[in-house]
Amino acid sequence: MQSEFAWIEAIAPDLVGVVTKRYQILQYISWLAPVGRRTLADQLKISERVLRTETDFLRQQGLLESSKSGMVLTAKGIDVFQGLEQLMNQLLGFKEDEKRLAAKLGIEHCIIVNGDADQSVRVLDEMGKVLDDTLQVLLPAGRLTIAVMGGSTMARVAGQLTYKLSTGRELTFVPARGGVGEAVAIQANSVAASMAEATDSRFRVLYIPENVSAETYQPLLKEPAVQEVLQMIDNAQVVIHSIGDALVMAKRRSMSPQALQKLKAQQAVSETFGTFFNAQGEVIYKIPRIGLTIPDLDHIPYVFAVAGGRSKAQAIAAYMHNAPTRTWLITDVGAANSILTGETR
């Protein structure tokens, strides 16, 4: 299919560009609706004058309509946008980029969605939808325990899972690790609960903060209810996690000034599962184990990492030095292009 597009571009070089531009306008209106022209132009990084010409054409075709609140897609516009999605992924070369990205990161599977999560949080919604579709295809029928990490990306993704995922499956969602000192809505316990609600499944919680002293959490580990959940986490068949910027995550975890200074001094750029890495993937710091750690992933059949935005490119690349090769990375164009070009700083 990609070669056919190359032939078309050879004899009508403007055609591919026009189709791509108009598709992306429809896509961003779908994400942001109702949206004004100035906001949309800022998101697309084009002038309002150019945007006006394109939106006038799309309006004449019956694909969008405007009101005082802004532009929205019509029913016809939604049909056209959804019908073009697979074709445009091929046209934009995502499949080839996915292969290149997987090879560069040393993992078996990458899926790239259009956009940059740094510019629009709706890109995270698209990543969540892709995750839901992928889980539906890959996960076997029967009883499954899914361990999930917390964070803003995971909280957003949770809302995109659907009841279809639990068709033929008995799912239980559990937090992969103890809580983090951040907003309740993005803690792993809350993400597990949200995913369970979205999929009409069950969940269990882990009432142990992650960054407390050993003297504090050791007695808690002896509690039967805590032991039961930890056993479920250890026996999970599926893990879903994100990847964070090291210093951002350290502050969220309310780490000590001494620990923060160490991370800065040793140039930590990435964090996941309580482990901090430098750009070469070397471990800089570890938070004591309460729940899953990266070595535990080796015995878990299905591992999914969801992270996007150009600002996370370096964090993604650093962690992937340590990720299981069977990891599925779901990311966006912003992060993927930065990693592929080496512009991750």
Protein backbone atom coordinates (compact mmCIF):
# COMPACT_ATOMS: atom_id res chain seq x y z
CA MET A 1 0.00 0.00 0.00
CA GLN A 2 2.83 2.40 0.83
CA SER A 3 4.29 2.00 -2.67
CA GLU A 4 0.93 2.88 -4.24
CA PHE A 5 0.91 6.12 -2.25
CA ALA A 6 4.41 6.86 -3.53
CA TRP A 7 3.20 6.48 -7.14
CA ILE A 8 0.25 8.80 -6.50
CA GLU A 9 2.56 11.35 -4.92
CA ALA A 10 4.88 11.15 -7.94
CA ILE A 11 2.19 12.33 -10.36
CA ALA A 12 0.11 14.44 -7.95
CA PRO A 13 2.45 15.60 -5.19
CA ASP A 14 -0.12 17.99 -3.74
CA LEU A 15 -2.79 15.32 -3.34
CA VAL A 16 -1.23 13.44 -0.43
CA GLY A 17 -0.46 16.68 1.38
CA VAL A 18 -3.99 17.99 0.97
CA VAL A 19 -5.59 14.74 2.13
CA THR A 20 -3.26 14.56 5.13
CA LYS A 21 -3.92 18.16 6.14
CA ARG A 22 -7.69 17.83 5.90
CA TYR A 23 -7.70 14.53 7.77
CA GLN A 24 -5.69 16.07 10.61
CA ILE A 25 -8.12 18.99 10.79
CA LEU A 26 -11.01 16.55 11.12
CA GLN A 27 -9.06 14.61 13.74
CA TYR A 28 -8.33 17.63 15.92
CA ILE A 29 -11.92 18.89 15.66
CA SER A 30 -13.04 15.43 16.76
CA TRP A 31 -10.73 15.62 19.76
CA LEU A 32 -11.35 19.23 20.80
CA ALA A 33 -14.95 19.95 19.75
CA PRO A 34 -16.41 22.43 20.09
CA VAL A 35 -13.26 24.32 19.14
CA GLY A 36 -12.60 27.83 17.83
CA ARG A 37 -10.43 28.58 14.83
CA ARG A 38 -7.63 30.23 16.80
CA THR A 39 -7.28 27.32 19.20
CA LEU A 40 -7.38 24.82 16.36
CA ALA A 41 -4.77 26.75 14.38
CA ASP A 42 -2.48 26.77 17.44
CA GLN A 43 -2.86 23.02 17.87
CA LEU A 44 -2.18 22.29 14.20
CA LYS A 45 0.68 24.81 14.02
CA ILE A 46 -0.78 26.54 10.94
CA SER A 47 -2.02 30.08 10.35
CA GLU A 48 -5.67 31.00 10.87
CA ARG A 49 -5.80 32.13 7.23
CA VAL A 50 -4.77 28.71 5.92
CA LEU A 51 -7.10 27.00 8.39
CA ARG A 52 -10.05 29.15 7.32
CA THR A 53 -9.62 28.06 3.71
CA GLU A 54 -9.60 24.39 4.67
CA THR A 55 -12.48 24.56 7.14
CA ASP A 56 -14.61 26.48 4.62
CA PHE A 57 -14.07 23.62 2.16
CA LEU A 58 -14.89 20.96 4.77
CA ARG A 59 -18.01 22.88 5.76
CA GLN A 60 -19.15 23.03 2.13
CA GLN A 61 -18.71 19.26 1.95
CA GLY A 62 -20.99 18.87 4.94
CA LEU A 63 -18.25 17.49 7.18
CA LEU A 64 -18.32 20.14 9.90
CA GLU A 65 -20.53 22.89 11.22
CA SER A 66 -19.93 25.98 13.32
CA SER A 67 -21.72 27.67 16.17
CA LYS A 68 -20.89 30.30 18.78
CA SER A 69 -19.21 27.55 20.80
CA GLY A 70 -16.94 26.50 17.93
CA MET A 71 -16.61 23.86 15.23
CA VAL A 72 -17.88 20.28 15.51
CA LEU A 73 -18.02 17.37 13.09
CA THR A 74 -21.33 16.49 11.50
CA ALA A 75 -22.55 12.89 11.38
CA LYS A 76 -21.12 12.70 7.86
CA GLY A 77 -17.84 14.18 9.09
CA ILE A 78 -17.57 11.55 11.82
CA ASP A 79 -18.18 8.78 9.28
CA VAL A 80 -15.54 10.16 6.93
CA PHE A 81 -13.00 10.64 9.74
CA GLN A 82 -13.48 7.12 11.10
CA GLY A 83 -13.48 5.60 7.61
CA LEU A 84 -10.17 7.26 6.74
CA GLU A 85 -8.36 6.31 9.95
CA GLN A 86 -6.79 3.03 8.83
CA LEU A 87 -5.93 4.40 5.39
CA MET A 88 -4.27 7.46 6.91
CA ASN A 89 -2.20 5.37 9.29
CA GLN A 90 -0.79 3.62 6.23
CA LEU A 91 -0.39 6.86 4.31
CA LEU A 92 1.51 8.48 7.17
CA GLY A 93 3.83 5.50 7.33
CA PHE A 94 2.99 4.44 10.88
CA LYS A 95 3.45 0.72 10.26
CA GLU A 96 6.98 1.17 8.97
CA ASP A 97 7.79 3.58 11.79
CA GLU A 98 6.39 1.08 14.30
CA LYS A 99 8.81 -1.56 13.04
CA ARG A 100 11.74 0.86 13.13
CA LEU A 101 10.85 2.04 16.62
CA ALA A 102 10.51 -1.50 17.97
CA ALA A 103 13.90 -2.42 16.49
CA LYS A 104 15.55 0.70 17.92
CA LEU A 105 14.12 0.06 21.39
CA GLY A 106 14.85 -3.68 21.35
CA ILE A 107 11.25 -4.79 21.89
CA GLU A 108 8.90 -6.82 19.73
CA HIS A 109 5.90 -4.53 19.34
CA CYS A 110 5.18 -0.80 19.02
CA ILE A 111 1.92 0.92 18.13
CA ILE A 112 2.01 4.61 17.20
CA VAL A 113 -1.05 6.87 17.26
CA ASN A 114 -1.21 10.22 15.53
CA GLY A 115 -0.51 13.43 17.45
CA ASP A 116 1.55 14.55 20.44
CA ALA A 117 0.20 14.16 23.97
CA ASP A 118 2.17 17.26 24.98
CA GLN A 119 -0.06 19.30 22.69
CA SER A 120 -3.40 17.61 23.35
CA VAL A 121 -4.47 15.23 26.11
CA ARG A 122 -6.95 13.76 23.64
CA VAL A 123 -4.01 11.88 22.16
CA LEU A 124 -3.93 9.91 25.43
CA ASP A 125 -7.55 8.96 24.80
CA GLU A 126 -6.57 7.59 21.40
CA MET A 127 -3.77 5.61 23.03
CA GLY A 128 -6.31 4.24 25.50
CA LYS A 129 -8.60 3.13 22.70
CA VAL A 130 -5.70 1.37 20.99
CA LEU A 131 -4.83 -0.34 24.27
CA ASP A 132 -8.42 -1.56 24.64
CA ASP A 133 -8.45 -2.91 21.07
CA THR A 134 -5.08 -4.61 21.55
CA LEU A 135 -6.07 -6.23 24.83
CA GLN A 136 -9.26 -7.57 23.24
CA VAL A 137 -7.23 -9.24 20.50
CA LEU A 138 -4.34 -10.58 22.58
CA LEU A 139 -5.69 -11.64 25.95
CA PRO A 140 -6.91 -15.22 26.27
CA ALA A 141 -10.36 -16.14 27.55
CA GLY A 142 -10.84 -17.12 31.18
CA ARG A 143 -9.80 -15.70 34.53
CA LEU A 144 -7.10 -13.01 34.42
CA THR A 145 -5.49 -10.69 36.94
CA ILE A 146 -4.33 -7.36 35.50
CA ALA A 147 -1.83 -5.32 37.54
CA VAL A 148 -1.82 -1.59 36.75
CA MET A 149 0.40 1.32 37.72
CA GLY A 150 -0.82 4.80 38.59
CA GLY A 151 -0.12 8.20 37.06
CA SER A 152 -1.90 10.80 34.96
CA THR A 153 -1.46 8.84 31.72
CA MET A 154 -2.87 5.67 33.24
CA ALA A 155 -5.81 7.55 34.76
CA ARG A 156 -6.70 8.98 31.37
CA VAL A 157 -6.25 5.66 29.58
CA ALA A 158 -8.49 3.90 32.11
CA GLY A 159 -11.52 5.78 30.84
CA GLN A 160 -11.08 4.35 27.35
CA LEU A 161 -11.37 0.68 28.26
CA THR A 162 -14.75 -0.90 27.45
CA TYR A 163 -16.99 -3.72 28.63
CA LYS A 164 -16.04 -5.64 25.48
CA LEU A 165 -12.72 -6.46 27.13
CA SER A 166 -14.49 -8.61 29.74
CA THR A 167 -16.45 -10.61 27.15
CA GLY A 168 -15.43 -14.23 27.74
CA ARG A 169 -13.02 -13.12 30.46
CA GLU A 170 -13.23 -12.82 34.25
CA LEU A 171 -10.99 -9.86 35.00
CA THR A 172 -9.66 -8.59 38.30
CA PHE A 173 -7.65 -5.35 38.34
CA VAL A 174 -5.08 -4.78 41.10
CA PRO A 175 -2.55 -1.99 41.74
CA ALA A 176 0.94 -3.08 40.70
CA ARG A 177 2.57 -1.24 43.60
CA GLY A 178 1.71 0.73 46.72
CA GLY A 179 0.31 4.25 46.55
CA VAL A 180 2.26 7.36 45.64
CA GLY A 181 2.00 10.70 47.45
CA GLU A 182 -0.12 12.33 44.75
CA ALA A 183 -3.74 13.08 43.91
CA VAL A 184 -6.01 10.18 44.79
CA ALA A 185 -7.50 10.05 41.28
CA ILE A 186 -4.21 9.04 39.69
CA GLN A 187 -3.01 6.53 42.27
CA ALA A 188 -2.78 2.90 41.20
CA ASN A 189 -5.69 1.90 43.46
CA SER A 190 -7.93 4.45 41.71
CA VAL A 191 -6.74 3.43 38.24
CA ALA A 192 -7.50 -0.22 39.03
CA ALA A 193 -10.98 0.77 40.22
CA SER A 194 -11.62 2.89 37.12
CA MET A 195 -10.54 0.12 34.75
CA ALA A 196 -12.72 -2.36 36.60
CA GLU A 197 -15.72 -0.05 36.36
CA ALA A 198 -15.16 0.59 32.64
CA THR A 199 -14.94 -3.13 31.86
CA ASP A 200 -17.61 -4.33 34.30
CA SER A 201 -14.98 -6.28 36.23
CA ARG A 202 -13.66 -6.62 39.78
CA PHE A 203 -10.78 -4.88 41.54
CA ARG A 204 -8.79 -5.10 44.74
CA VAL A 205 -6.86 -2.34 46.51
CA LEU A 206 -3.50 -2.25 48.28
CA TYR A 207 -3.50 -0.01 51.33
CA ILE A 208 0.25 0.48 51.64
CA PRO A 209 2.02 3.73 50.71
CA GLU A 210 5.03 3.00 48.53
CA ASN A 211 7.56 5.36 50.06
CA VAL A 212 7.21 4.65 53.80
CA SER A 213 10.02 3.23 55.92
CA ALA A 214 10.61 -0.50 56.26
CA GLU A 215 9.69 -0.26 59.96
CA THR A 216 6.28 1.07 58.96
CA TYR A 217 5.33 -1.29 56.18
CA GLN A 218 6.79 -4.58 57.44
CA PRO A 219 4.01 -5.14 60.02
CA LEU A 220 1.40 -4.32 57.35
CA LEU A 221 2.78 -7.03 55.10
CA LYS A 222 1.73 -9.59 57.68
CA GLU A 223 -1.93 -8.61 57.44
CA PRO A 224 -3.94 -11.38 55.67
CA ALA A 225 -5.81 -8.91 53.43
CA VAL A 226 -2.55 -7.30 52.33
CA GLN A 227 -0.87 -10.66 51.75
CA GLU A 228 -3.79 -11.77 49.60
CA VAL A 229 -3.55 -8.75 47.31
CA LEU A 230 0.23 -8.99 47.08
CA GLN A 231 -0.13 -12.63 46.06
CA MET A 232 -2.58 -11.61 43.33
CA ILE A 233 -0.11 -8.98 42.11
CA ASP A 234 2.73 -11.51 42.02
CA ASN A 235 0.55 -13.93 40.04
CA ALA A 236 -0.80 -11.37 37.57
CA GLN A 237 -0.87 -12.46 33.92
CA VAL A 238 -1.05 -8.89 32.56
CA VAL A 239 0.71 -5.64 33.50
CA ILE A 240 -0.17 -2.18 32.19
CA HIS A 241 2.14 0.69 33.12
CA SER A 242 3.38 4.07 32.00
CA ILE A 243 6.83 5.65 32.02
CA GLY A 244 7.57 8.94 33.73
CA ASP A 245 10.11 11.73 33.79
CA ALA A 246 12.45 10.97 36.68
CA LEU A 247 12.41 14.33 38.46
CA VAL A 248 8.67 14.84 37.96
CA MET A 249 7.98 11.43 39.47
CA ALA A 250 10.43 11.99 42.34
CA LYS A 251 8.56 15.14 43.36
CA ARG A 252 5.22 13.34 43.10
CA ARG A 253 6.58 10.67 45.41
CA SER A 254 7.67 13.34 47.92
CA MET A 255 11.20 11.97 47.93
CA SER A 256 13.76 13.51 50.27
CA PRO A 257 15.97 16.44 49.20
CA GLN A 258 18.95 14.10 49.41
CA ALA A 259 17.36 11.61 47.02
CA LEU A 260 16.39 14.40 44.61
CA GLN A 261 19.95 15.71 44.66
CA LYS A 262 21.28 12.23 43.86
CA LEU A 263 18.90 11.89 40.91
CA LYS A 264 19.98 15.27 39.54
CA ALA A 265 23.68 14.59 40.10
CA GLN A 266 23.50 11.25 38.30
CA GLN A 267 21.28 12.63 35.53
CA ALA A 268 18.25 10.43 36.05
CA VAL A 269 15.74 10.84 33.20
CA SER A 270 13.24 7.99 33.57
CA GLU A 271 11.17 6.20 36.20
CA THR A 272 8.83 3.24 36.33
CA PHE A 273 8.07 0.63 39.01
CA GLY A 274 9.91 2.76 41.55
CA THR A 275 13.20 2.47 39.65
CA PHE A 276 15.04 5.50 38.26
CA PHE A 277 17.35 5.35 35.21
CA ASN A 278 19.81 7.57 33.41
CA ALA A 279 19.69 7.98 29.62
CA GLN A 280 21.78 4.83 29.14
CA GLY A 281 19.26 2.77 31.12
CA GLU A 282 21.54 2.37 34.13
CA VAL A 283 19.74 2.14 37.48
CA ILE A 284 20.30 5.24 39.61
CA TYR A 285 17.92 4.68 42.49
CA LYS A 286 15.29 2.20 43.68
CA ILE A 287 12.38 2.65 46.04
CA PRO A 288 12.05 -0.38 48.38
CA ARG A 289 9.86 -3.13 46.96
CA ILE A 290 6.12 -3.13 47.73
CA GLY A 291 4.50 -4.84 44.78
CA LEU A 292 5.95 -5.46 41.34
CA THR A 293 9.48 -4.54 40.28
CA ILE A 294 10.98 -4.67 36.80
CA PRO A 295 12.57 -8.15 37.21
CA ASP A 296 9.10 -9.49 38.06
CA LEU A 297 7.97 -8.64 34.52
CA ASP A 298 10.08 -11.49 33.15
CA HIS A 299 7.51 -14.07 34.24
CA ILE A 300 4.40 -12.08 33.22
CA PRO A 301 3.08 -13.07 29.77
CA TYR A 302 1.53 -9.75 28.71
CA VAL A 303 3.26 -6.42 29.39
CA PHE A 304 1.96 -3.12 28.01
CA ALA A 305 3.69 0.26 28.36
CA VAL A 306 1.65 3.36 27.51
CA ALA A 307 3.49 6.68 27.25
CA GLY A 308 3.43 9.55 24.80
CA GLY A 309 4.43 13.13 24.14
CA ARG A 310 7.74 14.42 22.87
CA SER A 311 8.74 15.34 26.43
CA LYS A 312 8.68 11.65 27.41
CA ALA A 313 10.83 10.41 24.53
CA GLN A 314 14.03 10.26 26.55
CA ALA A 315 12.29 8.56 29.49
CA ILE A 316 10.80 5.93 27.18
CA ALA A 317 14.10 5.22 25.44
CA ALA A 318 15.98 4.97 28.75
CA TYR A 319 13.54 2.51 30.33
CA MET A 320 13.42 0.29 27.25
CA HIS A 321 17.01 -0.76 27.93
CA ASN A 322 15.46 -2.73 30.82
CA ALA A 323 12.04 -3.69 29.44
CA PRO A 324 11.15 -7.30 28.59
CA THR A 325 11.52 -7.81 24.83
CA ARG A 326 7.87 -8.92 24.57
CA THR A 327 6.69 -5.50 25.82
CA TRP A 328 4.01 -3.77 23.75
CA LEU A 329 4.70 -0.02 23.65
CA ILE A 330 1.75 2.22 22.79
CA THR A 331 2.99 5.73 22.06
CA ASP A 332 2.37 8.71 19.80
CA VAL A 333 4.05 10.44 16.86
CA GLY A 334 5.56 13.11 19.13
CA ALA A 335 7.54 10.59 21.17
CA ALA A 336 8.21 8.16 18.31
CA ASN A 337 9.70 10.77 15.99
CA SER A 338 11.94 12.11 18.74
CA ILE A 339 13.27 8.64 19.52
CA LEU A 340 13.75 7.70 15.87
CA THR A 341 15.64 10.92 15.08
CA GLY A 342 17.64 10.83 18.32
CA GLU A 343 16.25 14.23 19.39
CA THR A 344 15.18 13.15 22.88
CA ARG A 345 16.53 16.04 24.93
